[in-house]
């Protein structure tokens, strides 16, 4: 039974060449694929020849098969995921050295939105008109300040 070459398939192959950028792997059915250096290990590899050698049998996952027939492979995606490092313990316990809370309602904290400023009985259109008016005032103030910084025209020339 021949293994079918398709994206996602996990196969075994032999390394036929190791370059700076990756390794070439002979696959079943006479095909050849390449494992980029970034797809070899979960940790950084500076020199690929220290990790892989010609003739070595490796397990690879087919990542992509290009229209030109190039086959992209990954070794690291066949490996079990690395365990995440444990978070360092905070000094002073969970409360940062403070004594535990002593409240009547010492239950879990629940997020509540901040109180909105009362808008009264303004409709959406009224709120938009108010916003537009305030924006126009701010723009005219900004223009006035900008013109004053530039000299405000020709009247300030010294004769």
Protein backbone atom coordinates (compact mmCIF):
# COMPACT_ATOMS: atom_id res chain seq x y z
CA UNK A 1 0.00 0.00 0.00
CA UNK A 2 1.58 3.26 -1.13
CA UNK A 3 1.26 6.38 0.97
CA UNK A 4 -0.45 9.12 -0.93
CA UNK A 5 1.46 12.39 -1.21
CA UNK A 6 -0.94 15.13 -0.10
CA UNK A 7 -0.85 18.18 2.17
CA UNK A 8 -1.07 17.11 5.81
CA UNK A 9 0.31 13.62 5.20
CA UNK A 10 3.02 12.41 7.58
CA UNK A 11 5.71 10.32 5.86
CA UNK A 12 9.16 8.91 6.44
CA UNK A 13 12.01 9.89 4.19
CA UNK A 14 15.80 9.92 3.92
CA UNK A 15 17.83 13.11 3.95
CA UNK A 16 19.69 13.41 0.66
CA UNK A 17 21.34 16.77 1.24
CA UNK A 18 21.87 19.39 3.94
CA UNK A 19 22.30 23.05 2.98
CA UNK A 20 22.47 26.26 5.05
CA UNK A 21 18.78 27.01 4.37
CA UNK A 22 17.30 23.53 4.73
CA UNK A 23 17.48 19.81 4.01
CA UNK A 24 16.31 17.79 1.02
CA UNK A 25 14.37 14.62 1.78
CA UNK A 26 13.73 11.65 -0.54
CA UNK A 27 10.07 10.65 -0.24
CA UNK A 28 8.15 7.58 -1.41
CA UNK A 29 7.24 7.35 -5.12
CA UNK A 30 10.61 8.88 -6.07
CA UNK A 31 9.62 12.40 -5.01
CA UNK A 32 11.90 14.89 -3.21
CA UNK A 33 10.85 17.60 -0.78
CA UNK A 34 12.61 20.25 1.24
CA UNK A 35 12.50 21.06 4.95
CA UNK A 36 13.32 24.73 5.55
CA UNK A 37 15.65 25.33 8.53
CA UNK A 38 12.77 27.04 10.38
CA UNK A 39 10.70 23.84 10.12
CA UNK A 40 13.29 21.48 11.62
CA UNK A 41 12.98 22.18 15.34
CA UNK A 42 10.97 24.18 17.86
CA UNK A 43 14.23 25.74 19.06
CA UNK A 44 16.67 27.94 17.14
CA UNK A 45 19.18 26.16 14.91
CA UNK A 46 22.21 28.09 13.74
CA UNK A 47 23.91 25.32 11.73
CA UNK A 48 21.62 22.66 10.27
CA UNK A 49 24.47 20.17 9.76
CA UNK A 50 24.79 19.87 13.56
CA UNK A 51 21.25 18.45 13.72
CA UNK A 52 20.73 16.56 10.44
CA UNK A 53 23.00 14.33 8.38
CA UNK A 54 22.76 12.76 4.94
CA UNK A 55 21.22 9.29 4.99
CA UNK A 56 19.30 9.98 8.23
CA UNK A 57 15.68 8.79 8.24
CA UNK A 58 13.24 11.46 9.37
CA UNK A 59 9.51 11.77 9.86
CA UNK A 60 8.08 14.73 7.90
CA UNK A 61 4.72 16.39 7.38
CA UNK A 62 3.77 17.65 3.91
CA UNK A 63 3.04 21.37 4.33
CA UNK A 64 2.56 22.45 0.72
CA UNK A 65 2.78 21.12 -2.81
CA UNK A 66 3.43 23.98 -5.22
CA UNK A 67 2.08 24.19 -8.76
CA UNK A 68 5.69 23.79 -9.90
CA UNK A 69 5.87 20.45 -8.05
CA UNK A 70 8.02 21.68 -5.16
CA UNK A 71 7.14 19.96 -1.89
CA UNK A 72 7.51 21.89 1.38
CA UNK A 73 8.04 19.66 4.41
CA UNK A 74 8.22 20.10 8.17
CA UNK A 75 9.92 17.96 10.80
CA UNK A 76 8.92 20.07 13.81
CA UNK A 77 5.20 19.69 13.08
CA UNK A 78 5.52 15.93 13.58
CA UNK A 79 6.99 16.47 17.06
CA UNK A 80 4.83 16.71 20.19
CA UNK A 81 4.24 20.33 21.22
CA UNK A 82 6.76 21.70 23.67
CA UNK A 83 5.41 22.20 27.18
CA UNK A 84 4.82 25.83 28.02
CA UNK A 85 7.09 27.15 30.75
CA UNK A 86 5.37 27.64 34.08
CA UNK A 87 4.73 31.21 35.11
CA UNK A 88 7.10 32.42 37.80
CA UNK A 89 5.46 32.76 41.20
CA UNK A 90 4.69 36.31 42.23
CA UNK A 91 6.36 37.54 45.37
CA UNK A 92 4.07 37.85 48.34
CA UNK A 93 1.47 35.41 47.06
CA UNK A 94 -1.52 36.14 44.85
CA UNK A 95 -2.26 39.50 46.51
CA UNK A 96 1.29 40.83 46.16
CA UNK A 97 1.94 40.74 49.92
CA UNK A 98 -1.40 42.30 50.88
CA UNK A 99 -3.65 40.50 53.35
CA UNK A 100 -6.67 38.77 51.80
CA UNK A 101 -9.81 40.84 51.28
CA UNK A 102 -12.26 40.78 54.18
CA UNK A 103 -15.55 41.80 52.59
CA UNK A 104 -19.08 40.54 52.96
CA UNK A 105 -19.27 39.90 49.24
CA UNK A 106 -15.87 38.26 48.88
CA UNK A 107 -17.07 36.31 45.84
CA UNK A 108 -15.62 36.44 42.36
CA UNK A 109 -15.11 39.85 40.82
CA UNK A 110 -17.39 40.63 37.92
CA UNK A 111 -16.57 43.29 35.36
CA UNK A 112 -19.09 46.10 35.14
CA UNK A 113 -18.99 48.98 32.67
CA UNK A 114 -18.28 52.44 33.99
CA UNK A 115 -21.32 54.63 34.39
CA UNK A 116 -22.03 56.58 31.22
CA UNK A 117 -22.47 60.32 31.38
CA UNK A 118 -26.18 60.99 31.26
CA UNK A 119 -27.27 61.99 27.77
CA UNK A 120 -30.74 62.90 28.89
CA UNK A 121 -33.43 62.18 26.37
CA UNK A 122 -31.30 63.09 23.34
CA UNK A 123 -32.01 61.14 20.18
CA UNK A 124 -29.19 59.80 18.07
CA UNK A 125 -29.64 62.66 15.60
CA UNK A 126 -29.42 65.21 18.44
CA UNK A 127 -26.24 63.60 19.77
CA UNK A 128 -24.72 63.66 16.27
CA UNK A 129 -25.65 67.33 15.81
CA UNK A 130 -24.05 68.16 19.17
CA UNK A 131 -20.91 66.22 18.25
CA UNK A 132 -20.70 67.95 14.84
CA UNK A 133 -21.10 71.38 16.45
CA UNK A 134 -18.35 70.65 19.00
CA UNK A 135 -16.07 69.31 16.25
CA UNK A 136 -16.56 72.42 14.11
CA UNK A 137 -15.74 74.64 17.10
CA UNK A 138 -12.55 72.69 17.79
CA UNK A 139 -11.49 72.91 14.14
CA UNK A 140 -12.06 76.67 13.98
CA UNK A 141 -10.09 77.13 17.23
CA UNK A 142 -7.27 75.05 15.79
CA UNK A 143 -7.22 77.07 12.56
CA UNK A 144 -7.12 80.34 14.50
CA UNK A 145 -4.19 79.16 16.65
CA UNK A 146 -2.34 77.86 13.58
CA UNK A 147 -2.79 81.14 11.70
CA UNK A 148 -1.56 83.15 14.70
CA UNK A 149 1.59 81.01 14.86
CA UNK A 150 2.27 81.64 11.18
CA UNK A 151 2.06 85.37 11.60
CA UNK A 152 -1.59 85.92 10.74
CA UNK A 153 -1.04 87.65 7.43
CA UNK A 154 0.75 90.80 6.23
CA UNK A 155 -0.36 93.25 8.93
CA UNK A 156 2.43 92.20 11.29
CA UNK A 157 5.26 93.21 8.96
CA UNK A 158 7.65 95.77 10.28
CA UNK A 159 8.27 98.72 8.07
